[in-house]
C-alpha atoms as a PDB file:
ATOM      1  CA  MET A   1      -8.420  52.836  11.223  1.00  0.00           C
ATOM      2  CA  ARG A   2      -9.703  54.558  14.296  1.00  0.00           C
ATOM      3  CA  GLY A   3     -10.437  58.168  14.960  1.00  0.00           C
ATOM      4  CA  ARG A   4     -11.915  60.526  17.504  1.00  0.00           C
ATOM      5  CA  TRP A   5     -13.843  63.485  16.224  1.00  0.00           C
ATOM      6  CA  GLU A   6     -13.167  65.997  19.012  1.00  0.00           C
ATOM      7  CA  GLU A   7      -9.499  65.269  19.635  1.00  0.00           C
ATOM      8  CA  THR A   8      -8.838  64.479  15.953  1.00  0.00           C
ATOM      9  CA  VAL A   9      -6.805  61.422  16.894  1.00  0.00           C
ATOM     10  CA  ILE A  10      -6.381  58.986  14.024  1.00  0.00           C
ATOM     11  CA  VAL A  11      -4.628  55.654  14.322  1.00  0.00           C
ATOM     12  CA  VAL A  12      -3.778  53.719  11.172  1.00  0.00           C
ATOM     13  CA  GLY A  13      -2.616  50.132  11.235  1.00  0.00           C
ATOM     14  CA  THR A  14      -1.658  47.702   8.500  1.00  0.00           C
ATOM     15  CA  ASN A  15      -0.840  44.028   8.366  1.00  0.00           C
ATOM     16  CA  ALA A  16       2.585  43.707   6.803  1.00  0.00           C
ATOM     17  CA  ALA A  17       3.176  40.105   7.887  1.00  0.00           C
ATOM     18  CA  PRO A  18       5.001  38.011   5.283  1.00  0.00           C
ATOM     19  CA  HIS A  19       3.263  35.008   3.752  1.00  0.00           C
ATOM     20  CA  LEU A  20       4.493  31.826   5.404  1.00  0.00           C
ATOM     21  CA  PRO A  21       4.805  28.573   3.428  1.00  0.00           C
ATOM     22  CA  GLY A  22       1.967  26.164   4.168  1.00  0.00           C
ATOM     23  CA  THR A  23      -0.483  28.859   5.234  1.00  0.00           C
ATOM     24  CA  PRO A  24      -3.341  30.084   3.074  1.00  0.00           C
ATOM     25  CA  GLY A  25      -2.600  33.271   1.202  1.00  0.00           C
ATOM     26  CA  LEU A  26      -4.532  36.458   1.738  1.00  0.00           C
ATOM     27  CA  ALA A  27      -7.240  37.354  -0.743  1.00  0.00           C
ATOM     28  CA  ASP A  28      -6.188  39.826  -3.390  1.00  0.00           C
ATOM     29  CA  ARG A  29      -6.550  43.340  -2.081  1.00  0.00           C
ATOM     30  CA  ILE A  30      -8.967  45.557  -4.007  1.00  0.00           C
ATOM     31  CA  THR A  31      -8.980  48.562  -1.669  1.00  0.00           C
ATOM     32  CA  SER A  32      -6.234  51.169  -1.799  1.00  0.00           C
ATOM     33  CA  THR A  33      -4.829  53.919   0.380  1.00  0.00           C
ATOM     34  CA  ARG A  34      -6.344  56.475  -1.981  1.00  0.00           C
ATOM     35  CA  GLY A  35      -9.709  54.718  -1.727  1.00  0.00           C
ATOM     36  CA  THR A  36      -9.493  54.650   2.061  1.00  0.00           C
ATOM     37  CA  VAL A  37      -8.770  58.385   2.144  1.00  0.00           C
ATOM     38  CA  ALA A  38     -11.768  58.965  -0.134  1.00  0.00           C
ATOM     39  CA  GLU A  39     -13.867  56.783   2.179  1.00  0.00           C
ATOM     40  CA  LEU A  40     -12.883  58.823   5.234  1.00  0.00           C
ATOM     41  CA  ARG A  41     -13.550  62.101   3.432  1.00  0.00           C
ATOM     42  CA  SER A  42     -16.955  60.886   2.290  1.00  0.00           C
ATOM     43  CA  LEU A  43     -17.902  60.223   5.915  1.00  0.00           C
ATOM     44  CA  THR A  44     -16.965  63.637   7.321  1.00  0.00           C
ATOM     45  CA  ALA A  45     -20.328  65.344   6.726  1.00  0.00           C
ATOM     46  CA  TRP A  46     -22.290  62.457   8.261  1.00  0.00           C
ATOM     47  CA  ALA A  47     -19.799  62.079  11.138  1.00  0.00           C
ATOM     48  CA  GLY A  48     -20.077  65.789  11.882  1.00  0.00           C
ATOM     49  CA  GLU A  49     -23.837  65.410  12.336  1.00  0.00           C
ATOM     50  CA  ALA A  50     -23.606  62.144  14.284  1.00  0.00           C
ATOM     51  CA  GLY A  51     -20.508  63.115  16.281  1.00  0.00           C
ATOM     52  CA  PRO A  52     -22.230  64.469  19.399  1.00  0.00           C
ATOM     53  CA  HIS A  53     -23.972  61.094  19.834  1.00  0.00           C
ATOM     54  CA  LEU A  54     -20.980  58.841  19.093  1.00  0.00           C
ATOM     55  CA  ASP A  55     -18.724  57.305  21.688  1.00  0.00           C
ATOM     56  CA  GLU A  56     -16.417  55.817  19.028  1.00  0.00           C
ATOM     57  CA  LEU A  57     -16.344  55.635  15.231  1.00  0.00           C
ATOM     58  CA  VAL A  58     -14.214  52.985  13.521  1.00  0.00           C
ATOM     59  CA  VAL A  59     -13.563  52.551   9.799  1.00  0.00           C
ATOM     60  CA  ILE A  60     -11.911  49.234   8.945  1.00  0.00           C
ATOM     61  CA  ASP A  61     -10.197  48.536   5.635  1.00  0.00           C
ATOM     62  CA  GLN A  62     -10.729  44.803   5.171  1.00  0.00           C
ATOM     63  CA  GLY A  63      -8.814  44.610   1.917  1.00  0.00           C
ATOM     64  CA  ARG A  64     -11.920  43.972  -0.164  1.00  0.00           C
ATOM     65  CA  ARG A  65     -14.234  46.606   1.351  1.00  0.00           C
ATOM     66  CA  HIS A  66     -14.496  49.100   4.175  1.00  0.00           C
ATOM     67  CA  THR A  67     -16.724  48.632   7.175  1.00  0.00           C
ATOM     68  CA  VAL A  68     -17.976  51.439   9.386  1.00  0.00           C
ATOM     69  CA  GLN A  69     -18.806  50.797  13.024  1.00  0.00           C
ATOM     70  CA  ALA A  70     -20.211  53.251  15.544  1.00  0.00           C
ATOM     71  CA  MET A  71     -20.298  52.659  19.276  1.00  0.00           C
ATOM     72  CA  VAL A  72     -22.777  54.524  21.466  1.00  0.00           C
ATOM     73  CA  THR A  73     -23.666  54.253  25.145  1.00  0.00           C
ATOM     74  CA  ASP A  74     -27.471  54.056  24.995  1.00  0.00           C
ATOM     75  CA  ASP A  75     -30.422  53.403  22.714  1.00  0.00           C
ATOM     76  CA  THR A  76     -31.307  57.106  22.488  1.00  0.00           C
ATOM     77  CA  ALA A  77     -27.871  57.884  21.055  1.00  0.00           C
ATOM     78  CA  ALA A  78     -28.233  54.928  18.657  1.00  0.00           C
ATOM     79  CA  GLN A  79     -31.535  56.287  17.364  1.00  0.00           C
ATOM     80  CA  ARG A  80     -30.013  59.743  16.871  1.00  0.00           C
ATOM     81  CA  VAL A  81     -27.064  58.294  14.948  1.00  0.00           C
ATOM     82  CA  LEU A  82     -29.469  56.272  12.780  1.00  0.00           C
ATOM     83  CA  ALA A  83     -31.881  59.184  12.174  1.00  0.00           C
ATOM     84  CA  GLY A  84     -32.465  59.727   8.475  1.00  0.00           C
ATOM     85  CA  LEU A  85     -30.638  56.557   7.403  1.00  0.00           C
ATOM     86  CA  VAL A  86     -32.117  53.524   5.671  1.00  0.00           C
ATOM     87  CA  LEU A  87     -32.357  50.819   8.332  1.00  0.00           C
ATOM     88  CA  ASP A  88     -31.583  47.171   7.696  1.00  0.00           C
ATOM     89  CA  THR A  89     -34.885  45.289   7.889  1.00  0.00           C
ATOM     90  CA  ASP A  90     -33.139  42.128   9.117  1.00  0.00           C
ATOM     91  CA  HIS A  91     -32.609  43.513  12.650  1.00  0.00           C
ATOM     92  CA  HIS A  92     -33.240  40.621  15.035  1.00  0.00           C
ATOM     93  CA  GLY A  93     -33.352  42.567  18.272  1.00  0.00           C
ATOM     94  CA  GLY A  94     -30.537  43.115  20.671  1.00  0.00           C
ATOM     95  CA  ARG A  95     -28.461  46.248  20.844  1.00  0.00           C
ATOM     96  CA  ARG A  96     -26.813  46.218  17.434  1.00  0.00           C
ATOM     97  CA  TYR A  97     -28.317  48.011  14.462  1.00  0.00           C
ATOM     98  CA  ARG A  98     -27.389  48.172  10.789  1.00  0.00           C
ATOM     99  CA  SER A  99     -28.175  50.809   8.223  1.00  0.00           C
ATOM    100  CA  VAL A 100     -26.928  52.270   4.962  1.00  0.00           C
ATOM    101  CA  LEU A 101     -24.964  55.537   5.114  1.00  0.00           C
ATOM    102  CA  PRO A 102     -25.519  58.336   2.587  1.00  0.00           C
ATOM    103  CA  THR A 103     -22.245  57.164   0.983  1.00  0.00           C
ATOM    104  CA  GLY A 104     -23.810  53.752   0.290  1.00  0.00           C
ATOM    105  CA  HIS A 105     -21.652  51.955   2.844  1.00  0.00           C
ATOM    106  CA  LEU A 106     -23.072  49.750   5.570  1.00  0.00           C
ATOM    107  CA  LEU A 107     -22.990  51.063   9.122  1.00  0.00           C
ATOM    108  CA  THR A 108     -23.166  48.926  12.251  1.00  0.00           C
ATOM    109  CA  VAL A 109     -24.189  50.751  15.435  1.00  0.00           C
ATOM    110  CA  SER A 110     -23.504  48.920  18.698  1.00  0.00           C
ATOM    111  CA  VAL A 111     -24.907  50.022  22.049  1.00  0.00           C
ATOM    112  CA  ILE A 112     -22.285  49.463  24.736  1.00  0.00           C
ATOM    113  CA  PRO A 113     -23.580  50.860  28.041  1.00  0.00           C
ATOM    114  CA  LYS A 114     -21.094  52.525  30.336  1.00  0.00           C
ATOM    115  CA  ARG A 115     -20.497  50.578  33.514  1.00  0.00           C
ATOM    116  CA  PRO A 116     -21.537  52.226  36.769  1.00  0.00           C
ATOM    117  CA  GLY A 117     -18.605  54.158  38.147  1.00  0.00           C
ATOM    118  CA  ALA A 118     -16.853  54.353  34.753  1.00  0.00           C
ATOM    119  CA  GLY A 119     -15.540  57.711  33.677  1.00  0.00           C
ATOM    120  CA  GLY A 120     -13.559  58.502  36.804  1.00  0.00           C
ATOM    121  CA  SER A 121     -16.385  59.395  39.152  1.00  0.00           C
ATOM    122  CA  ALA A 122     -15.854  58.237  42.718  1.00  0.00           C
ATOM    123  CA  GLN A 123     -18.669  56.289  44.370  1.00  0.00           C
END
């Protein structure tokens, strides 16, 4: 699932591919549509606070759990998104951070700098 806070664009995708003989079966699904809706609703308060610092927020239903990923364009925005959250102590450097959201779900924040000239400005 993908969404944009300002434009309120939400894209939902599912994998409805049939099981083919000779291929491993998918793990039993333990998430549900109702659970995914509850997950998205539980994130709205936090996303409202973090929204001005987010470039993209993605919630992925992996069938057994949901993952939440935030993309930002610089380390300052990453720190603002992570403010007040419990950080993962296993951070090994780089520009990817993990923390625990108030909902108890894990959050991955990735810093993806904008390329010079991106965003339509002529140079």
